[in-house]
Amino acid sequence: NGHTTSNVIRGIDDYLKAEGYNVLIYNTDYNKETELASIANLEAQSADGLIITSSGQISSLLNDESMLGMPVVHIHRTFEDLKSNTVLSDFRAGAYDATNYLIELGHQRIAVITRSYEGIPSRQLRLDGYTDALKANGFKVDNALIRVTDDPKTTAKTVNMLLALPNPPTAIFTMYAKITTEVLYHCNNSHIDIPEDLSVIGFDDLPMASLFKSPLTVVNQSSYDLGIESAKLLVQKINHPEQIQVDVVLPCELIVRDSCRSITI
């Protein structure tokens, strides 16, 4: 989500500038070779520290700060083998609140469209929040309603498959902004009215989401604060290299707009 990323970078830059540091930005697109090349460039420039959202394929390198020669803060995602300092949003609570909100509106069939989450705890947490809320409200988790897609081209097909179920969902919770965009685009093209035909709630706000025909209800990360907190943690680590691993978790906010309707059964 470019909107979220740009706010994170702004927070990082504002904090570090005030502390007398210059910020270098590398776009790695979760590519292992690009990550390694970028880190090599930073090492060559004797960078003081590194804030990264990685592919998950260089965790052993990131864990060894003595080898890198600089402290590391990892943001947005975690991996099972990652041991560096992390700054994350409270994905589990955010997903719980969104699912619970739909249940309070009367929805009993709530679908989720997410990314592959095996071995990526930060992605698993979003799904855990959803299943926690179902269980807390006495609903069984129906695996037919949990769909994983990593290819944008398959999102429309995924929505159609969900709506073609014998007992289709009345709401879809999209776990990533890109998926949300794809779902909204498909619904618009297929004349699926939101929220009359289908309620939609998304993780992460979208630019101008409040101006849509049915302004979008979202779980919003405090992306600027994520940037501030990751920069603050990095400066702490630069000044106190012996500091043990710190994990910072920031709350999400449910922003209620008009894309979810109440259901009476």
Protein backbone atom coordinates (compact mmCIF):
# COMPACT_ATOMS: atom_id res chain seq x y z
CA ASN A 1 0.00 0.00 0.00
CA GLY A 2 1.83 3.08 -1.28
CA HIS A 3 -0.31 5.40 0.86
CA THR A 4 0.74 3.59 4.06
CA THR A 5 4.38 3.28 2.97
CA SER A 6 4.75 6.98 2.15
CA ASN A 7 3.36 7.92 5.58
CA VAL A 8 5.78 5.50 7.29
CA ILE A 9 8.72 6.99 5.36
CA ARG A 10 7.55 10.51 6.29
CA GLY A 11 7.50 9.55 9.98
CA ILE A 12 10.98 8.01 9.74
CA ASP A 13 12.39 11.03 7.92
CA ASP A 14 10.80 13.60 10.27
CA TYR A 15 12.16 11.88 13.38
CA LEU A 16 15.66 11.17 12.05
CA LYS A 17 16.11 14.63 10.56
CA ALA A 18 15.35 16.11 13.98
CA GLU A 19 17.99 13.77 15.45
CA GLY A 20 20.60 14.92 12.91
CA TYR A 21 20.53 11.88 10.60
CA ASN A 22 20.12 11.73 6.82
CA VAL A 23 17.75 9.10 5.43
CA LEU A 24 18.58 7.00 2.37
CA ILE A 25 15.63 5.16 0.79
CA TYR A 26 15.95 1.95 -1.22
CA ASN A 27 12.98 0.25 -2.90
CA THR A 28 13.67 -3.48 -2.86
CA ASP A 29 10.24 -4.88 -3.87
CA TYR A 30 10.80 -7.86 -1.54
CA ASN A 31 13.56 -9.11 -3.84
CA LYS A 32 16.38 -10.91 -2.00
CA GLU A 33 19.16 -9.85 -4.41
CA THR A 34 18.02 -6.21 -4.34
CA GLU A 35 17.92 -6.32 -0.52
CA LEU A 36 21.47 -7.68 -0.35
CA ALA A 37 22.75 -5.10 -2.87
CA SER A 38 21.06 -2.27 -0.96
CA ILE A 39 22.54 -3.42 2.35
CA ALA A 40 25.99 -3.68 0.74
CA ASN A 41 25.62 -0.07 -0.47
CA LEU A 42 24.66 1.07 3.02
CA GLU A 43 27.61 -0.78 4.55
CA ALA A 44 29.95 0.86 2.02
CA GLN A 45 28.61 4.24 3.12
CA SER A 46 29.07 3.33 6.81
CA ALA A 47 25.37 3.77 7.53
CA ASP A 48 24.49 4.08 11.23
CA GLY A 49 21.44 1.81 11.09
CA LEU A 50 18.84 0.06 8.97
CA ILE A 51 15.02 0.12 8.96
CA ILE A 52 13.67 -2.57 6.64
CA THR A 53 10.59 -4.45 5.52
CA SER A 54 12.21 -7.54 4.06
CA SER A 55 11.27 -10.49 1.86
CA GLY A 56 11.92 -12.86 4.76
CA GLN A 57 14.78 -14.48 2.83
CA ILE A 58 17.64 -12.66 4.59
CA SER A 59 16.62 -13.13 8.23
CA SER A 60 19.92 -14.78 9.27
CA LEU A 61 21.82 -11.73 7.98
CA LEU A 62 19.46 -9.27 9.70
CA ASN A 63 19.74 -11.23 12.95
CA ASP A 64 23.53 -10.81 12.98
CA GLU A 65 24.00 -7.10 13.62
CA SER A 66 27.70 -7.61 14.35
CA MET A 67 28.10 -8.98 10.83
CA LEU A 68 26.12 -6.10 9.35
CA GLY A 69 27.98 -3.54 11.41
CA MET A 70 24.76 -1.65 12.13
CA PRO A 71 21.60 -2.11 14.19
CA VAL A 72 18.38 -3.22 12.48
CA VAL A 73 14.69 -2.46 13.00
CA HIS A 74 12.21 -4.55 11.01
CA ILE A 75 8.78 -3.05 10.33
CA HIS A 76 5.38 -4.21 8.99
CA ARG A 77 6.13 -7.94 8.83
CA THR A 78 7.67 -10.65 10.99
CA PHE A 79 8.99 -14.09 10.11
CA GLU A 80 9.43 -17.16 12.27
CA ASP A 81 13.24 -17.02 11.99
CA LEU A 82 13.56 -13.24 12.44
CA LYS A 83 15.11 -12.07 15.73
CA SER A 84 15.63 -8.35 15.10
CA ASN A 85 13.77 -5.46 16.76
CA THR A 86 10.31 -5.05 15.26
CA VAL A 87 7.66 -2.35 14.99
CA LEU A 88 4.22 -3.65 14.00
CA SER A 89 0.59 -2.66 14.08
CA ASP A 90 -1.69 -4.73 16.29
CA PHE A 91 -3.00 -6.76 13.36
CA ARG A 92 -4.81 -9.29 15.54
CA ALA A 93 -6.82 -6.70 17.48
CA GLY A 94 -7.51 -4.73 14.28
CA ALA A 95 -8.88 -7.79 12.48
CA TYR A 96 -10.88 -8.77 15.57
CA ASP A 97 -12.52 -5.34 15.77
CA ALA A 98 -13.43 -5.38 12.06
CA THR A 99 -14.92 -8.88 12.21
CA ASN A 100 -16.76 -8.11 15.44
CA TYR A 101 -18.21 -4.96 13.87
CA LEU A 102 -19.64 -7.04 11.00
CA ILE A 103 -21.08 -9.56 13.46
CA GLU A 104 -22.72 -6.72 15.41
CA LEU A 105 -24.35 -5.62 12.13
CA GLY A 106 -25.88 -9.11 11.88
CA HIS A 107 -23.48 -10.76 9.42
CA GLN A 108 -23.03 -14.50 10.03
CA ARG A 109 -21.25 -15.42 6.79
CA ILE A 110 -18.08 -13.30 6.66
CA ALA A 111 -15.44 -14.17 4.07
CA VAL A 112 -11.77 -13.25 4.19
CA ILE A 113 -9.42 -12.74 1.25
CA THR A 114 -5.78 -12.68 2.35
CA ARG A 115 -2.22 -13.36 1.23
CA SER A 116 -0.21 -16.54 1.89
CA TYR A 117 0.56 -16.54 5.61
CA GLU A 118 2.52 -19.75 6.32
CA GLY A 119 5.71 -18.85 8.21
CA ILE A 120 4.77 -15.14 8.33
CA PRO A 121 3.38 -14.48 11.84
CA SER A 122 2.37 -10.88 11.03
CA ARG A 123 0.05 -12.20 8.30
CA GLN A 124 -1.20 -15.05 10.49
CA LEU A 125 -2.19 -12.50 13.17
CA ARG A 126 -4.73 -10.88 10.82
CA LEU A 127 -6.39 -14.22 10.26
CA ASP A 128 -6.21 -15.04 13.99
CA GLY A 129 -8.10 -11.82 14.81
CA TYR A 130 -10.84 -12.84 12.39
CA THR A 131 -11.17 -16.38 13.79
CA ASP A 132 -10.97 -15.07 17.40
CA ALA A 133 -13.97 -12.82 16.78
CA LEU A 134 -15.98 -15.62 15.15
CA LYS A 135 -15.31 -17.96 18.08
CA ALA A 136 -16.00 -15.25 20.68
CA ASN A 137 -19.44 -14.79 19.11
CA GLY A 138 -20.20 -18.52 18.97
CA PHE A 139 -19.62 -19.01 15.22
CA LYS A 140 -17.68 -21.90 13.70
CA VAL A 141 -14.78 -21.09 11.39
CA ASP A 142 -15.77 -22.13 7.85
CA ASN A 143 -12.63 -22.71 5.78
CA ALA A 144 -14.65 -22.28 2.57
CA LEU A 145 -14.87 -18.59 3.49
CA ILE A 146 -11.09 -18.16 3.92
CA ARG A 147 -9.42 -17.56 0.56
CA VAL A 148 -5.74 -16.95 -0.16
CA THR A 149 -4.63 -15.09 -3.28
CA ASP A 150 -1.16 -13.79 -4.13
CA ASP A 151 -1.97 -13.03 -7.77
CA PRO A 152 -4.02 -9.89 -8.49
CA LYS A 153 -5.50 -11.58 -11.56
CA THR A 154 -7.27 -14.18 -9.41
CA THR A 155 -9.10 -11.79 -7.08
CA ALA A 156 -12.18 -11.41 -9.31
CA LYS A 157 -12.42 -15.20 -9.67
CA THR A 158 -12.08 -15.55 -5.88
CA VAL A 159 -14.98 -13.15 -5.27
CA ASN A 160 -17.13 -14.97 -7.82
CA MET A 161 -16.36 -18.35 -6.20
CA LEU A 162 -17.34 -17.00 -2.79
CA LEU A 163 -20.62 -15.55 -4.07
CA ALA A 164 -21.39 -18.82 -5.89
CA LEU A 165 -21.24 -20.87 -2.66
CA PRO A 166 -24.54 -22.56 -1.65
CA ASN A 167 -24.55 -20.33 1.44
CA PRO A 168 -22.60 -17.28 0.23
CA PRO A 169 -21.05 -14.60 2.43
CA THR A 170 -22.88 -11.34 3.03
CA ALA A 171 -19.59 -9.55 3.80
CA ILE A 172 -15.97 -9.76 2.63
CA PHE A 173 -13.04 -8.66 4.79
CA THR A 174 -10.01 -7.91 2.59
CA MET A 175 -6.76 -8.18 4.52
CA TYR A 176 -4.55 -6.03 2.25
CA ALA A 177 -5.11 -2.71 0.46
CA LYS A 178 -4.21 -4.14 -2.96
CA ILE A 179 -6.82 -6.90 -2.52
CA THR A 180 -9.37 -4.30 -1.39
CA THR A 181 -8.76 -2.28 -4.57
CA GLU A 182 -9.13 -5.39 -6.74
CA VAL A 183 -12.39 -6.40 -5.00
CA LEU A 184 -13.88 -2.91 -5.36
CA TYR A 185 -12.87 -2.77 -9.03
CA HIS A 186 -14.46 -6.16 -9.71
CA CYS A 187 -17.68 -5.29 -7.85
CA ASN A 188 -17.97 -2.07 -9.83
CA ASN A 189 -17.44 -3.87 -13.17
CA SER A 190 -19.86 -6.67 -12.24
CA HIS A 191 -22.58 -4.32 -10.93
CA ILE A 192 -22.32 -5.81 -7.42
CA ASP A 193 -23.64 -3.00 -5.26
CA ILE A 194 -21.72 -2.19 -2.07
CA PRO A 195 -23.20 -2.41 0.53
CA GLU A 196 -26.65 -3.52 -0.76
CA ASP A 197 -25.44 -6.75 -2.41
CA LEU A 198 -22.23 -7.18 -0.43
CA SER A 199 -20.61 -5.47 2.56
CA VAL A 200 -16.85 -4.85 2.25
CA ILE A 201 -14.35 -3.92 4.95
CA GLY A 202 -10.64 -3.47 4.26
CA PHE A 203 -7.36 -3.53 6.14
CA ASP A 204 -5.52 -0.23 5.53
CA ASP A 205 -7.09 2.97 4.33
CA LEU A 206 -6.99 3.85 0.64
CA PRO A 207 -6.42 7.32 -0.78
CA MET A 208 -9.81 9.01 -1.18
CA ALA A 209 -11.64 5.99 0.31
CA SER A 210 -14.00 8.44 2.02
CA LEU A 211 -15.06 9.78 -1.42
CA PHE A 212 -16.15 6.45 -2.95
CA LYS A 213 -19.80 5.98 -3.94
CA SER A 214 -20.06 3.97 -0.71
CA PRO A 215 -17.19 5.34 1.42
CA LEU A 216 -15.09 2.41 2.59
CA THR A 217 -14.98 1.15 6.17
CA VAL A 218 -11.40 0.19 7.07
CA VAL A 219 -9.03 -0.96 9.77
CA ASN A 220 -6.39 1.75 9.64
CA GLN A 221 -2.78 1.47 10.76
CA SER A 222 -1.15 4.53 12.30
CA SER A 223 1.43 4.54 9.53
CA TYR A 224 3.08 7.87 10.42
CA ASP A 225 3.45 6.68 14.02
CA LEU A 226 4.95 3.40 12.73
CA GLY A 227 7.63 5.50 11.05
CA ILE A 228 8.24 7.60 14.16
CA GLU A 229 8.46 4.57 16.48
CA SER A 230 10.76 2.60 14.18
CA ALA A 231 13.11 5.59 13.87
CA LYS A 232 13.02 6.15 17.63
CA LEU A 233 13.86 2.50 18.26
CA LEU A 234 16.70 2.61 15.74
CA VAL A 235 18.27 5.65 17.43
CA GLN A 236 18.00 3.85 20.79
CA LYS A 237 19.83 0.88 19.28
CA ILE A 238 22.51 3.10 17.73
CA ASN A 239 23.14 4.73 21.12
CA HIS A 240 22.82 1.46 23.10
CA PRO A 241 24.05 -1.43 20.91
CA GLU A 242 23.81 -3.84 23.84
CA GLN A 243 20.04 -3.28 24.15
CA ILE A 244 18.14 -6.56 23.88
CA GLN A 245 15.45 -7.15 21.25
CA VAL A 246 12.49 -4.81 21.52
CA ASP A 247 9.10 -5.41 19.86
CA VAL A 248 6.79 -2.40 19.59
CA VAL A 249 3.10 -2.91 18.80
CA LEU A 250 0.89 0.05 17.83
CA PRO A 251 -2.93 0.05 17.90
CA CYS A 252 -5.08 0.10 14.76
CA GLU A 253 -8.27 2.14 14.40
CA LEU A 254 -11.59 1.00 12.94
CA ILE A 255 -12.87 3.81 10.70
CA VAL A 256 -16.59 3.24 10.10
CA ARG A 257 -17.99 4.64 6.85
CA ASP A 258 -20.74 3.32 4.54
CA SER A 259 -19.53 0.09 2.89
CA CYS A 260 -21.14 -2.30 5.41
CA ARG A 261 -24.86 -2.61 5.97
CA SER A 262 -26.82 -4.23 8.75
CA ILE A 263 -28.41 -7.61 8.09
CA THR A 264 -31.66 -8.78 9.63
CA ILE A 265 -32.39 -12.48 9.45
